[in-house]
Amino acid sequence: MRQVGILAGAGLYALDHHLDRISEDHERARSLAAGADEVDGFRADVPDTNIVMIHVERDDLEAEEVSRRLAERDVWILAVEPGRLRAVTHLDVDDAGIERAVKALRLMAS
């Protein structure tokens, strides 16, 4: 763990400079989860933080394919299991990004 100081430095920087806006990330995570939950074939857990877990409940899709197809639309959501995706909201994710992600999921469902 030679790089632990670099990771700790990033965490300290975030605490010093971005703590006031963490509530924005949490609100965007809730918006993403609500939007994904409205799309047929997807179910999102209600997030407690800025991490959103989305379940793929379609027999014809696996999370890896969903992740790949979303990336083609500049939506970066990680497949963590065959039927589960993980999305994280952060400083670089704005309201337009949330809308783009939900729209991309809707296009997949149609």
PDB file of N, CA and C in Angstrom:
ATOM      1  N   MET A   1       0.826  -1.186   0.000  1.00  0.00           N
ATOM      2  CA  MET A   1       0.000   0.000   0.000  1.00  0.00           C
ATOM      3  C   MET A   1       0.872   1.252   0.000  1.00  0.00           C
ATOM      4  N   ARG A   2       1.792   1.333  -0.928  1.00  0.00           N
ATOM      5  CA  ARG A   2       2.642   2.514  -1.013  1.00  0.00           C
ATOM      6  C   ARG A   2       1.849   3.759  -1.363  1.00  0.00           C
ATOM      7  N   GLN A   3       0.763   3.607  -2.093  1.00  0.00           N
ATOM      8  CA  GLN A   3       0.004   4.759  -2.567  1.00  0.00           C
ATOM      9  C   GLN A   3      -1.056   5.229  -1.576  1.00  0.00           C
ATOM     10  N   VAL A   4      -1.054   4.692  -0.384  1.00  0.00           N
ATOM     11  CA  VAL A   4      -2.091   5.043   0.574  1.00  0.00           C
ATOM     12  C   VAL A   4      -2.087   6.541   0.876  1.00  0.00           C
ATOM     13  N   GLY A   5      -0.932   7.174   0.849  1.00  0.00           N
ATOM     14  CA  GLY A   5      -0.851   8.618   1.093  1.00  0.00           C
ATOM     15  C   GLY A   5      -1.559   9.414   0.014  1.00  0.00           C
ATOM     16  N   ILE A   6      -1.470   8.945  -1.235  1.00  0.00           N
ATOM     17  CA  ILE A   6      -2.151   9.622  -2.335  1.00  0.00           C
ATOM     18  C   ILE A   6      -3.660   9.510  -2.144  1.00  0.00           C
ATOM     19  N   LEU A   7      -4.132   8.333  -1.788  1.00  0.00           N
ATOM     20  CA  LEU A   7      -5.567   8.144  -1.544  1.00  0.00           C
ATOM     21  C   LEU A   7      -6.034   8.976  -0.354  1.00  0.00           C
ATOM     22  N   ALA A   8      -5.243   8.992   0.699  1.00  0.00           N
ATOM     23  CA  ALA A   8      -5.605   9.794   1.875  1.00  0.00           C
ATOM     24  C   ALA A   8      -5.625  11.275   1.521  1.00  0.00           C
ATOM     25  N   GLY A   9      -4.685  11.708   0.695  1.00  0.00           N
ATOM     26  CA  GLY A   9      -4.638  13.105   0.263  1.00  0.00           C
ATOM     27  C   GLY A   9      -5.892  13.496  -0.497  1.00  0.00           C
ATOM     28  N   ALA A  10      -6.366  12.609  -1.356  1.00  0.00           N
ATOM     29  CA  ALA A  10      -7.603  12.887  -2.106  1.00  0.00           C
ATOM     30  C   ALA A  10      -8.783  13.003  -1.151  1.00  0.00           C
ATOM     31  N   GLY A  11      -8.842  12.129  -0.168  1.00  0.00           N
ATOM     32  CA  GLY A  11      -9.920  12.186   0.812  1.00  0.00           C
ATOM     33  C   GLY A  11      -9.871  13.463   1.637  1.00  0.00           C
ATOM     34  N   LEU A  12      -8.675  13.872   2.056  1.00  0.00           N
ATOM     35  CA  LEU A  12      -8.530  15.109   2.826  1.00  0.00           C
ATOM     36  C   LEU A  12      -8.911  16.329   1.991  1.00  0.00           C
ATOM     37  N   TYR A  13      -8.529  16.318   0.723  1.00  0.00           N
ATOM     38  CA  TYR A  13      -8.894  17.427  -0.168  1.00  0.00           C
ATOM     39  C   TYR A  13     -10.418  17.518  -0.288  1.00  0.00           C
ATOM     40  N   ALA A  14     -11.064  16.375  -0.477  1.00  0.00           N
ATOM     41  CA  ALA A  14     -12.522  16.365  -0.596  1.00  0.00           C
ATOM     42  C   ALA A  14     -13.177  16.899   0.674  1.00  0.00           C
ATOM     43  N   LEU A  15     -12.670  16.498   1.833  1.00  0.00           N
ATOM     44  CA  LEU A  15     -13.237  16.986   3.094  1.00  0.00           C
ATOM     45  C   LEU A  15     -13.047  18.494   3.256  1.00  0.00           C
ATOM     46  N   ASP A  16     -11.914  18.998   2.781  1.00  0.00           N
ATOM     47  CA  ASP A  16     -11.627  20.434   2.911  1.00  0.00           C
ATOM     48  C   ASP A  16     -12.370  21.290   1.890  1.00  0.00           C
ATOM     49  N   HIS A  17     -12.660  20.730   0.714  1.00  0.00           N
ATOM     50  CA  HIS A  17     -13.178  21.552  -0.377  1.00  0.00           C
ATOM     51  C   HIS A  17     -14.573  21.193  -0.887  1.00  0.00           C
ATOM     52  N   HIS A  18     -15.078  20.010  -0.574  1.00  0.00           N
ATOM     53  CA  HIS A  18     -16.336  19.581  -1.191  1.00  0.00           C
ATOM     54  C   HIS A  18     -17.375  19.059  -0.201  1.00  0.00           C
ATOM     55  N   LEU A  19     -17.117  19.157   1.060  1.00  0.00           N
ATOM     56  CA  LEU A  19     -18.051  18.621   2.055  1.00  0.00           C
ATOM     57  C   LEU A  19     -19.407  19.321   1.982  1.00  0.00           C
ATOM     58  N   ASP A  20     -19.398  20.603   1.691  1.00  0.00           N
ATOM     59  CA  ASP A  20     -20.654  21.360   1.638  1.00  0.00           C
ATOM     60  C   ASP A  20     -21.579  20.898   0.526  1.00  0.00           C
ATOM     61  N   ARG A  21     -21.035  20.284  -0.527  1.00  0.00           N
ATOM     62  CA  ARG A  21     -21.868  19.927  -1.668  1.00  0.00           C
ATOM     63  C   ARG A  21     -22.206  18.438  -1.735  1.00  0.00           C
ATOM     64  N   ILE A  22     -21.841  17.659  -0.725  1.00  0.00           N
ATOM     65  CA  ILE A  22     -22.139  16.222  -0.752  1.00  0.00           C
ATOM     66  C   ILE A  22     -23.639  15.968  -0.810  1.00  0.00           C
ATOM     67  N   SER A  23     -24.429  16.870  -0.228  1.00  0.00           N
ATOM     68  CA  SER A  23     -25.883  16.699  -0.275  1.00  0.00           C
ATOM     69  C   SER A  23     -26.397  16.746  -1.713  1.00  0.00           C
ATOM     70  N   GLU A  24     -25.713  17.505  -2.594  1.00  0.00           N
ATOM     71  CA  GLU A  24     -26.092  17.538  -4.012  1.00  0.00           C
ATOM     72  C   GLU A  24     -25.896  16.163  -4.651  1.00  0.00           C
ATOM     73  N   ASP A  25     -24.785  15.512  -4.335  1.00  0.00           N
ATOM     74  CA  ASP A  25     -24.525  14.169  -4.868  1.00  0.00           C
ATOM     75  C   ASP A  25     -25.574  13.183  -4.387  1.00  0.00           C
ATOM     76  N   HIS A  26     -25.949  13.302  -3.126  1.00  0.00           N
ATOM     77  CA  HIS A  26     -26.953  12.390  -2.563  1.00  0.00           C
ATOM     78  C   HIS A  26     -28.316  12.618  -3.217  1.00  0.00           C
ATOM     79  N   GLU A  27     -28.663  13.875  -3.445  1.00  0.00           N
ATOM     80  CA  GLU A  27     -29.940  14.186  -4.100  1.00  0.00           C
ATOM     81  C   GLU A  27     -29.949  13.669  -5.537  1.00  0.00           C
ATOM     82  N   ARG A  28     -28.841  13.832  -6.247  1.00  0.00           N
ATOM     83  CA  ARG A  28     -28.761  13.318  -7.623  1.00  0.00           C
ATOM     84  C   ARG A  28     -28.815  11.798  -7.637  1.00  0.00           C
ATOM     85  N   ALA A  29     -28.245  11.165  -6.635  1.00  0.00           N
ATOM     86  CA  ALA A  29     -28.321   9.703  -6.549  1.00  0.00           C
ATOM     87  C   ALA A  29     -29.770   9.261  -6.370  1.00  0.00           C
ATOM     88  N   ARG A  30     -30.506   9.966  -5.517  1.00  0.00           N
ATOM     89  CA  ARG A  30     -31.924   9.638  -5.330  1.00  0.00           C
ATOM     90  C   ARG A  30     -32.711   9.862  -6.626  1.00  0.00           C
ATOM     91  N   SER A  31     -32.378  10.918  -7.361  1.00  0.00           N
ATOM     92  CA  SER A  31     -33.056  11.186  -8.645  1.00  0.00           C
ATOM     93  C   SER A  31     -32.754  10.091  -9.664  1.00  0.00           C
ATOM     94  N   LEU A  32     -31.509   9.667  -9.721  1.00  0.00           N
ATOM     95  CA  LEU A  32     -31.139   8.592 -10.640  1.00  0.00           C
ATOM     96  C   LEU A  32     -31.870   7.304 -10.274  1.00  0.00           C
ATOM     97  N   ALA A  33     -31.887   6.987  -8.991  1.00  0.00           N
ATOM     98  CA  ALA A  33     -32.567   5.761  -8.547  1.00  0.00           C
ATOM     99  C   ALA A  33     -34.053   5.813  -8.876  1.00  0.00           C
ATOM    100  N   ALA A  34     -34.686   6.947  -8.628  1.00  0.00           N
ATOM    101  CA  ALA A  34     -36.121   7.083  -8.915  1.00  0.00           C
ATOM    102  C   ALA A  34     -36.377   6.952 -10.409  1.00  0.00           C
ATOM    103  N   GLY A  35     -35.546   7.587 -11.223  1.00  0.00           N
ATOM    104  CA  GLY A  35     -35.709   7.499 -12.669  1.00  0.00           C
ATOM    105  C   GLY A  35     -35.496   6.091 -13.188  1.00  0.00           C
ATOM    106  N   ALA A  36     -34.470   5.415 -12.702  1.00  0.00           N
ATOM    107  CA  ALA A  36     -34.190   4.041 -13.135  1.00  0.00           C
ATOM    108  C   ALA A  36     -35.298   3.097 -12.693  1.00  0.00           C
ATOM    109  N   ASP A  37     -35.835   3.348 -11.524  1.00  0.00           N
ATOM    110  CA  ASP A  37     -36.885   2.498 -10.982  1.00  0.00           C
ATOM    111  C   ASP A  37     -38.172   2.577 -11.806  1.00  0.00           C
ATOM    112  N   GLU A  38     -38.366   3.661 -12.533  1.00  0.00           N
ATOM    113  CA  GLU A  38     -39.552   3.831 -13.370  1.00  0.00           C
ATOM    114  C   GLU A  38     -39.422   3.144 -14.729  1.00  0.00           C
ATOM    115  N   VAL A  39     -38.227   2.669 -15.061  1.00  0.00           N
ATOM    116  CA  VAL A  39     -37.997   2.042 -16.359  1.00  0.00           C
ATOM    117  C   VAL A  39     -38.289   0.549 -16.250  1.00  0.00           C
ATOM    118  N   ASP A  40     -39.134   0.037 -17.158  1.00  0.00           N
ATOM    119  CA  ASP A  40     -39.450  -1.392 -17.164  1.00  0.00           C
ATOM    120  C   ASP A  40     -38.183  -2.220 -17.305  1.00  0.00           C
ATOM    121  N   GLY A  41     -38.056  -3.214 -16.444  1.00  0.00           N
ATOM    122  CA  GLY A  41     -36.921  -4.116 -16.513  1.00  0.00           C
ATOM    123  C   GLY A  41     -35.757  -3.723 -15.621  1.00  0.00           C
ATOM    124  N   PHE A  42     -35.896  -2.592 -14.927  1.00  0.00           N
ATOM    125  CA  PHE A  42     -34.843  -2.149 -14.014  1.00  0.00           C
ATOM    126  C   PHE A  42     -35.473  -1.795 -12.678  1.00  0.00           C
ATOM    127  N   ARG A  43     -34.748  -2.077 -11.606  1.00  0.00           N
ATOM    128  CA  ARG A  43     -35.203  -1.726 -10.261  1.00  0.00           C
ATOM    129  C   ARG A  43     -34.012  -1.185  -9.489  1.00  0.00           C
ATOM    130  N   ALA A  44     -34.184  -0.044  -8.886  1.00  0.00           N
ATOM    131  CA  ALA A  44     -33.084   0.584  -8.149  1.00  0.00           C
ATOM    132  C   ALA A  44     -33.371   0.576  -6.659  1.00  0.00           C
ATOM    133  N   ASP A  45     -32.346   0.306  -5.878  1.00  0.00           N
ATOM    134  CA  ASP A  45     -32.445   0.445  -4.432  1.00  0.00           C
ATOM    135  C   ASP A  45     -32.460   1.934  -4.100  1.00  0.00           C
ATOM    136  N   VAL A  46     -33.173   2.311  -3.059  1.00  0.00           N
ATOM    137  CA  VAL A  46     -33.160   3.698  -2.603  1.00  0.00           C
ATOM    138  C   VAL A  46     -31.796   3.948  -1.949  1.00  0.00           C
ATOM    139  N   PRO A  47     -31.025   4.884  -2.490  1.00  0.00           N
ATOM    140  CA  PRO A  47     -29.669   5.073  -1.956  1.00  0.00           C
ATOM    141  C   PRO A  47     -29.643   5.877  -0.656  1.00  0.00           C
ATOM    142  N   ASP A  48     -28.692   5.538   0.196  1.00  0.00           N
ATOM    143  CA  ASP A  48     -28.428   6.303   1.413  1.00  0.00           C
ATOM    144  C   ASP A  48     -27.289   7.289   1.204  1.00  0.00           C
ATOM    145  N   THR A  49     -26.508   7.063   0.160  1.00  0.00           N
ATOM    146  CA  THR A  49     -25.339   7.898  -0.124  1.00  0.00           C
ATOM    147  C   THR A  49     -25.375   8.290  -1.600  1.00  0.00           C
ATOM    148  N   ASN A  50     -24.211   8.448  -2.193  1.00  0.00           N
ATOM    149  CA  ASN A  50     -24.132   8.799  -3.607  1.00  0.00           C
ATOM    150  C   ASN A  50     -23.930   7.556  -4.486  1.00  0.00           C
ATOM    151  N   ILE A  51     -24.125   6.387  -3.929  1.00  0.00           N
ATOM    152  CA  ILE A  51     -23.977   5.137  -4.674  1.00  0.00           C
ATOM    153  C   ILE A  51     -25.364   4.561  -4.949  1.00  0.00           C
ATOM    154  N   VAL A  52     -25.620   4.268  -6.222  1.00  0.00           N
ATOM    155  CA  VAL A  52     -26.924   3.752  -6.645  1.00  0.00           C
ATOM    156  C   VAL A  52     -26.737   2.339  -7.191  1.00  0.00           C
ATOM    157  N   MET A  53     -27.472   1.386  -6.636  1.00  0.00           N
ATOM    158  CA  MET A  53     -27.453   0.011  -7.128  1.00  0.00           C
ATOM    159  C   MET A  53     -28.711  -0.202  -7.960  1.00  0.00           C
ATOM    160  N   ILE A  54     -28.510  -0.617  -9.218  1.00  0.00           N
ATOM    161  CA  ILE A  54     -29.615  -0.833 -10.143  1.00  0.00           C
ATOM    162  C   ILE A  54     -29.638  -2.308 -10.530  1.00  0.00           C
ATOM    163  N   HIS A  55     -30.777  -2.934 -10.368  1.00  0.00           N
ATOM    164  CA  HIS A  55     -30.939  -4.350 -10.689  1.00  0.00           C
ATOM    165  C   HIS A  55     -31.536  -4.483 -12.088  1.00  0.00           C
ATOM    166  N   VAL A  56     -30.921  -5.327 -12.898  1.00  0.00           N
ATOM    167  CA  VAL A  56     -31.428  -5.616 -14.242  1.00  0.00           C
ATOM    168  C   VAL A  56     -32.356  -6.816 -14.094  1.00  0.00           C
ATOM    169  N   GLU A  57     -33.636  -6.613 -14.345  1.00  0.00           N
ATOM    170  CA  GLU A  57     -34.628  -7.669 -14.147  1.00  0.00           C
ATOM    171  C   GLU A  57     -35.209  -8.172 -15.459  1.00  0.00           C
ATOM    172  N   ARG A  58     -34.442  -8.040 -16.504  1.00  0.00           N
ATOM    173  CA  ARG A  58     -34.869  -8.535 -17.815  1.00  0.00           C
ATOM    174  C   ARG A  58     -34.085  -9.803 -18.128  1.00  0.00           C
ATOM    175  N   ASP A  59     -34.755 -10.798 -18.645  1.00  0.00           N
ATOM    176  CA  ASP A  59     -34.092 -12.052 -18.989  1.00  0.00           C
ATOM    177  C   ASP A  59     -33.179 -11.910 -20.207  1.00  0.00           C
ATOM    178  N   ASP A  60     -33.459 -10.919 -21.053  1.00  0.00           N
ATOM    179  CA  ASP A  60     -32.697 -10.772 -22.287  1.00  0.00           C
ATOM    180  C   ASP A  60     -31.497  -9.838 -22.152  1.00  0.00           C
ATOM    181  N   LEU A  61     -31.227  -9.319 -20.953  1.00  0.00           N
ATOM    182  CA  LEU A  61     -30.103  -8.407 -20.744  1.00  0.00           C
ATOM    183  C   LEU A  61     -29.307  -8.802 -19.508  1.00  0.00           C
ATOM    184  N   GLU A  62     -28.007  -8.653 -19.612  1.00  0.00           N
ATOM    185  CA  GLU A  62     -27.146  -8.782 -18.437  1.00  0.00           C
ATOM    186  C   GLU A  62     -26.512  -7.433 -18.172  1.00  0.00           C
ATOM    187  N   ALA A  63     -26.096  -7.215 -16.963  1.00  0.00           N
ATOM    188  CA  ALA A  63     -25.553  -5.922 -16.554  1.00  0.00           C
ATOM    189  C   ALA A  63     -24.365  -5.499 -17.411  1.00  0.00           C
ATOM    190  N   GLU A  64     -23.525  -6.435 -17.786  1.00  0.00           N
ATOM    191  CA  GLU A  64     -22.343  -6.104 -18.606  1.00  0.00           C
ATOM    192  C   GLU A  64     -22.759  -5.490 -19.940  1.00  0.00           C
ATOM    193  N   GLU A  65     -23.772  -6.051 -20.571  1.00  0.00           N
ATOM    194  CA  GLU A  65     -24.267  -5.503 -21.836  1.00  0.00           C
ATOM    195  C   GLU A  65     -24.897  -4.128 -21.621  1.00  0.00           C
ATOM    196  N   VAL A  66     -25.668  -3.985 -20.551  1.00  0.00           N
ATOM    197  CA  VAL A  66     -26.283  -2.698 -20.239  1.00  0.00           C
ATOM    198  C   VAL A  66     -25.189  -1.647 -20.050  1.00  0.00           C
ATOM    199  N   SER A  67     -24.162  -1.984 -19.287  1.00  0.00           N
ATOM    200  CA  SER A  67     -23.055  -1.063 -19.039  1.00  0.00           C
ATOM    201  C   SER A  67     -22.389  -0.649 -20.347  1.00  0.00           C
ATOM    202  N   ARG A  68     -22.142  -1.608 -21.223  1.00  0.00           N
ATOM    203  CA  ARG A  68     -21.501  -1.320 -22.512  1.00  0.00           C
ATOM    204  C   ARG A  68     -22.370  -0.405 -23.361  1.00  0.00           C
ATOM    205  N   ARG A  69     -23.665  -0.710 -23.428  1.00  0.00           N
ATOM    206  CA  ARG A  69     -24.575   0.100 -24.241  1.00  0.00           C
ATOM    207  C   ARG A  69     -24.760   1.502 -23.656  1.00  0.00           C
ATOM    208  N   LEU A  70     -24.751   1.615 -22.344  1.00  0.00           N
ATOM    209  CA  LEU A  70     -24.832   2.930 -21.729  1.00  0.00           C
ATOM    210  C   LEU A  70     -23.573   3.749 -22.024  1.00  0.00           C
ATOM    211  N   ALA A  71     -22.425   3.102 -21.990  1.00  0.00           N
ATOM    212  CA  ALA A  71     -21.163   3.794 -22.277  1.00  0.00           C
ATOM    213  C   ALA A  71     -21.161   4.385 -23.684  1.00  0.00           C
ATOM    214  N   GLU A  72     -21.842   3.716 -24.614  1.00  0.00           N
ATOM    215  CA  GLU A  72     -21.951   4.247 -25.968  1.00  0.00           C
ATOM    216  C   GLU A  72     -22.706   5.576 -25.982  1.00  0.00           C
ATOM    217  N   ARG A  73     -23.456   5.847 -24.939  1.00  0.00           N
ATOM    218  CA  ARG A  73     -24.214   7.100 -24.811  1.00  0.00           C
ATOM    219  C   ARG A  73     -23.603   8.011 -23.739  1.00  0.00           C
ATOM    220  N   ASP A  74     -22.321   7.781 -23.445  1.00  0.00           N
ATOM    221  CA  ASP A  74     -21.589   8.576 -22.440  1.00  0.00           C
ATOM    222  C   ASP A  74     -22.207   8.509 -21.055  1.00  0.00           C
ATOM    223  N   VAL A  75     -22.730   7.346 -20.708  1.00  0.00           N
ATOM    224  CA  VAL A  75     -23.236   7.093 -19.362  1.00  0.00           C
ATOM    225  C   VAL A  75     -22.376   5.963 -18.797  1.00  0.00           C
ATOM    226  N   TRP A  76     -21.644   6.263 -17.736  1.00  0.00           N
ATOM    227  CA  TRP A  76     -20.682   5.309 -17.190  1.00  0.00           C
ATOM    228  C   TRP A  76     -21.220   4.691 -15.905  1.00  0.00           C
ATOM    229  N   ILE A  77     -21.779   3.497 -16.057  1.00  0.00           N
ATOM    230  CA  ILE A  77     -22.316   2.740 -14.928  1.00  0.00           C
ATOM    231  C   ILE A  77     -21.660   1.362 -14.977  1.00  0.00           C
ATOM    232  N   LEU A  78     -21.145   0.907 -13.860  1.00  0.00           N
ATOM    233  CA  LEU A  78     -20.361  -0.318 -13.778  1.00  0.00           C
ATOM    234  C   LEU A  78     -21.232  -1.545 -13.514  1.00  0.00           C
ATOM    235  N   ALA A  79     -20.994  -2.601 -14.262  1.00  0.00           N
ATOM    236  CA  ALA A  79     -21.632  -3.895 -13.980  1.00  0.00           C
ATOM    237  C   ALA A  79     -20.837  -4.557 -12.862  1.00  0.00           C
ATOM    238  N   VAL A  80     -21.506  -4.870 -11.756  1.00  0.00           N
ATOM    239  CA  VAL A  80     -20.812  -5.493 -10.623  1.00  0.00           C
ATOM    240  C   VAL A  80     -21.172  -6.961 -10.460  1.00  0.00           C
ATOM    241  N   GLU A  81     -22.271  -7.370 -11.052  1.00  0.00           N
ATOM    242  CA  GLU A  81     -22.729  -8.760 -11.066  1.00  0.00           C
ATOM    243  C   GLU A  81     -23.529  -8.931 -12.351  1.00  0.00           C
ATOM    244  N   PRO A  82     -23.842 -10.160 -12.743  1.00  0.00           N
ATOM    245  CA  PRO A  82     -24.621 -10.337 -13.986  1.00  0.00           C
ATOM    246  C   PRO A  82     -25.930  -9.574 -14.019  1.00  0.00           C
ATOM    247  N   GLY A  83     -26.564  -9.341 -12.872  1.00  0.00           N
ATOM    248  CA  GLY A  83     -27.839  -8.651 -12.849  1.00  0.00           C
ATOM    249  C   GLY A  83     -27.845  -7.362 -12.053  1.00  0.00           C
ATOM    250  N   ARG A  84     -26.654  -6.793 -11.835  1.00  0.00           N
ATOM    251  CA  ARG A  84     -26.616  -5.593 -10.990  1.00  0.00           C
ATOM    252  C   ARG A  84     -25.584  -4.589 -11.484  1.00  0.00           C
ATOM    253  N   LEU A  85     -26.007  -3.314 -11.477  1.00  0.00           N
ATOM    254  CA  LEU A  85     -25.159  -2.194 -11.883  1.00  0.00           C
ATOM    255  C   LEU A  85     -24.905  -1.291 -10.688  1.00  0.00           C
ATOM    256  N   ARG A  86     -23.781  -0.574 -10.732  1.00  0.00           N
ATOM    257  CA  ARG A  86     -23.444   0.374  -9.674  1.00  0.00           C
ATOM    258  C   ARG A  86     -23.127   1.716 -10.316  1.00  0.00           C
ATOM    259  N   ALA A  87     -23.843   2.753  -9.902  1.00  0.00           N
ATOM    260  CA  ALA A  87     -23.608   4.110 -10.387  1.00  0.00           C
ATOM    261  C   ALA A  87     -23.213   4.979  -9.197  1.00  0.00           C
ATOM    262  N   VAL A  88     -22.353   5.938  -9.444  1.00  0.00           N
ATOM    263  CA  VAL A  88     -21.901   6.830  -8.384  1.00  0.00           C
ATOM    264  C   VAL A  88     -22.035   8.271  -8.869  1.00  0.00           C
ATOM    265  N   THR A  89     -22.714   9.083  -8.090  1.00  0.00           N
ATOM    266  CA  THR A  89     -22.783  10.506  -8.404  1.00  0.00           C
ATOM    267  C   THR A  89     -21.642  11.213  -7.689  1.00  0.00           C
ATOM    268  N   HIS A  90     -21.121  12.257  -8.327  1.00  0.00           N
ATOM    269  CA  HIS A  90     -19.975  12.981  -7.771  1.00  0.00           C
ATOM    270  C   HIS A  90     -19.908  14.355  -8.422  1.00  0.00           C
ATOM    271  N   LEU A  91     -18.843  15.071  -8.163  1.00  0.00           N
ATOM    272  CA  LEU A  91     -18.663  16.441  -8.626  1.00  0.00           C
ATOM    273  C   LEU A  91     -18.863  16.595 -10.134  1.00  0.00           C
ATOM    274  N   ASP A  92     -18.499  15.587 -10.902  1.00  0.00           N
ATOM    275  CA  ASP A  92     -18.583  15.666 -12.360  1.00  0.00           C
ATOM    276  C   ASP A  92     -19.935  15.225 -12.921  1.00  0.00           C
ATOM    277  N   VAL A  93     -20.871  14.872 -12.069  1.00  0.00           N
ATOM    278  CA  VAL A  93     -22.204  14.451 -12.520  1.00  0.00           C
ATOM    279  C   VAL A  93     -23.197  15.551 -12.171  1.00  0.00           C
ATOM    280  N   ASP A  94     -23.781  16.149 -13.205  1.00  0.00           N
ATOM    281  CA  ASP A  94     -24.764  17.210 -12.974  1.00  0.00           C
ATOM    282  C   ASP A  94     -26.166  16.696 -13.290  1.00  0.00           C
ATOM    283  N   ASP A  95     -27.164  17.573 -13.192  1.00  0.00           N
ATOM    284  CA  ASP A  95     -28.551  17.174 -13.445  1.00  0.00           C
ATOM    285  C   ASP A  95     -28.734  16.670 -14.875  1.00  0.00           C
ATOM    286  N   ALA A  96     -28.043  17.289 -15.816  1.00  0.00           N
ATOM    287  CA  ALA A  96     -28.135  16.839 -17.214  1.00  0.00           C
ATOM    288  C   ALA A  96     -27.603  15.412 -17.361  1.00  0.00           C
ATOM    289  N   GLY A  97     -26.573  15.076 -16.611  1.00  0.00           N
ATOM    290  CA  GLY A  97     -26.032  13.718 -16.645  1.00  0.00           C
ATOM    291  C   GLY A  97     -27.013  12.698 -16.106  1.00  0.00           C
ATOM    292  N   ILE A  98     -27.739  13.073 -15.062  1.00  0.00           N
ATOM    293  CA  ILE A  98     -28.763  12.178 -14.513  1.00  0.00           C
ATOM    294  C   ILE A  98     -29.860  11.966 -15.551  1.00  0.00           C
ATOM    295  N   GLU A  99     -30.299  13.045 -16.182  1.00  0.00           N
ATOM    296  CA  GLU A  99     -31.334  12.943 -17.221  1.00  0.00           C
ATOM    297  C   GLU A  99     -30.860  12.074 -18.387  1.00  0.00           C
ATOM    298  N   ARG A 100     -29.589  12.235 -18.781  1.00  0.00           N
ATOM    299  CA  ARG A 100     -29.033  11.433 -19.876  1.00  0.00           C
ATOM    300  C   ARG A 100     -29.020   9.948 -19.508  1.00  0.00           C
ATOM    301  N   ALA A 101     -28.666   9.650 -18.275  1.00  0.00           N
ATOM    302  CA  ALA A 101     -28.618   8.258 -17.827  1.00  0.00           C
ATOM    303  C   ALA A 101     -30.005   7.623 -17.840  1.00  0.00           C
ATOM    304  N   VAL A 102     -30.990   8.329 -17.319  1.00  0.00           N
ATOM    305  CA  VAL A 102     -32.351   7.789 -17.275  1.00  0.00           C
ATOM    306  C   VAL A 102     -32.895   7.628 -18.695  1.00  0.00           C
ATOM    307  N   LYS A 103     -32.633   8.600 -19.543  1.00  0.00           N
ATOM    308  CA  LYS A 103     -33.077   8.512 -20.938  1.00  0.00           C
ATOM    309  C   LYS A 103     -32.440   7.311 -21.636  1.00  0.00           C
ATOM    310  N   ALA A 104     -31.163   7.076 -21.383  1.00  0.00           N
ATOM    311  CA  ALA A 104     -30.469   5.932 -21.992  1.00  0.00           C
ATOM    312  C   ALA A 104     -31.066   4.615 -21.506  1.00  0.00           C
ATOM    313  N   LEU A 105     -31.429   4.526 -20.240  1.00  0.00           N
ATOM    314  CA  LEU A 105     -32.083   3.316 -19.724  1.00  0.00           C
ATOM    315  C   LEU A 105     -33.455   3.123 -20.386  1.00  0.00           C
ATOM    316  N   ARG A 106     -34.186   4.219 -20.546  1.00  0.00           N
ATOM    317  CA  ARG A 106     -35.496   4.130 -21.204  1.00  0.00           C
ATOM    318  C   ARG A 106     -35.369   3.631 -22.636  1.00  0.00           C
ATOM    319  N   LEU A 107     -34.347   4.103 -23.348  1.00  0.00           N
ATOM    320  CA  LEU A 107     -34.137   3.650 -24.727  1.00  0.00           C
ATOM    321  C   LEU A 107     -33.859   2.149 -24.770  1.00  0.00           C
ATOM    322  N   MET A 108     -33.173   1.641 -23.775  1.00  0.00           N
ATOM    323  CA  MET A 108     -32.904   0.213 -23.728  1.00  0.00           C
ATOM    324  C   MET A 108     -34.149  -0.597 -23.465  1.00  0.00           C
ATOM    325  N   ALA A 109     -35.067  -0.035 -22.715  1.00  0.00           N
ATOM    326  CA  ALA A 109     -36.291  -0.746 -22.362  1.00  0.00           C
ATOM    327  C   ALA A 109     -37.297  -0.798 -23.504  1.00  0.00           C
ATOM    328  N   SER A 110     -37.130   0.099 -24.474  1.00  0.00           N
ATOM    329  CA  SER A 110     -38.111   0.152 -25.571  1.00  0.00           C
ATOM    330  C   SER A 110     -37.764  -0.789 -26.706  1.00  0.00           C
TER     331      SER A 110
END
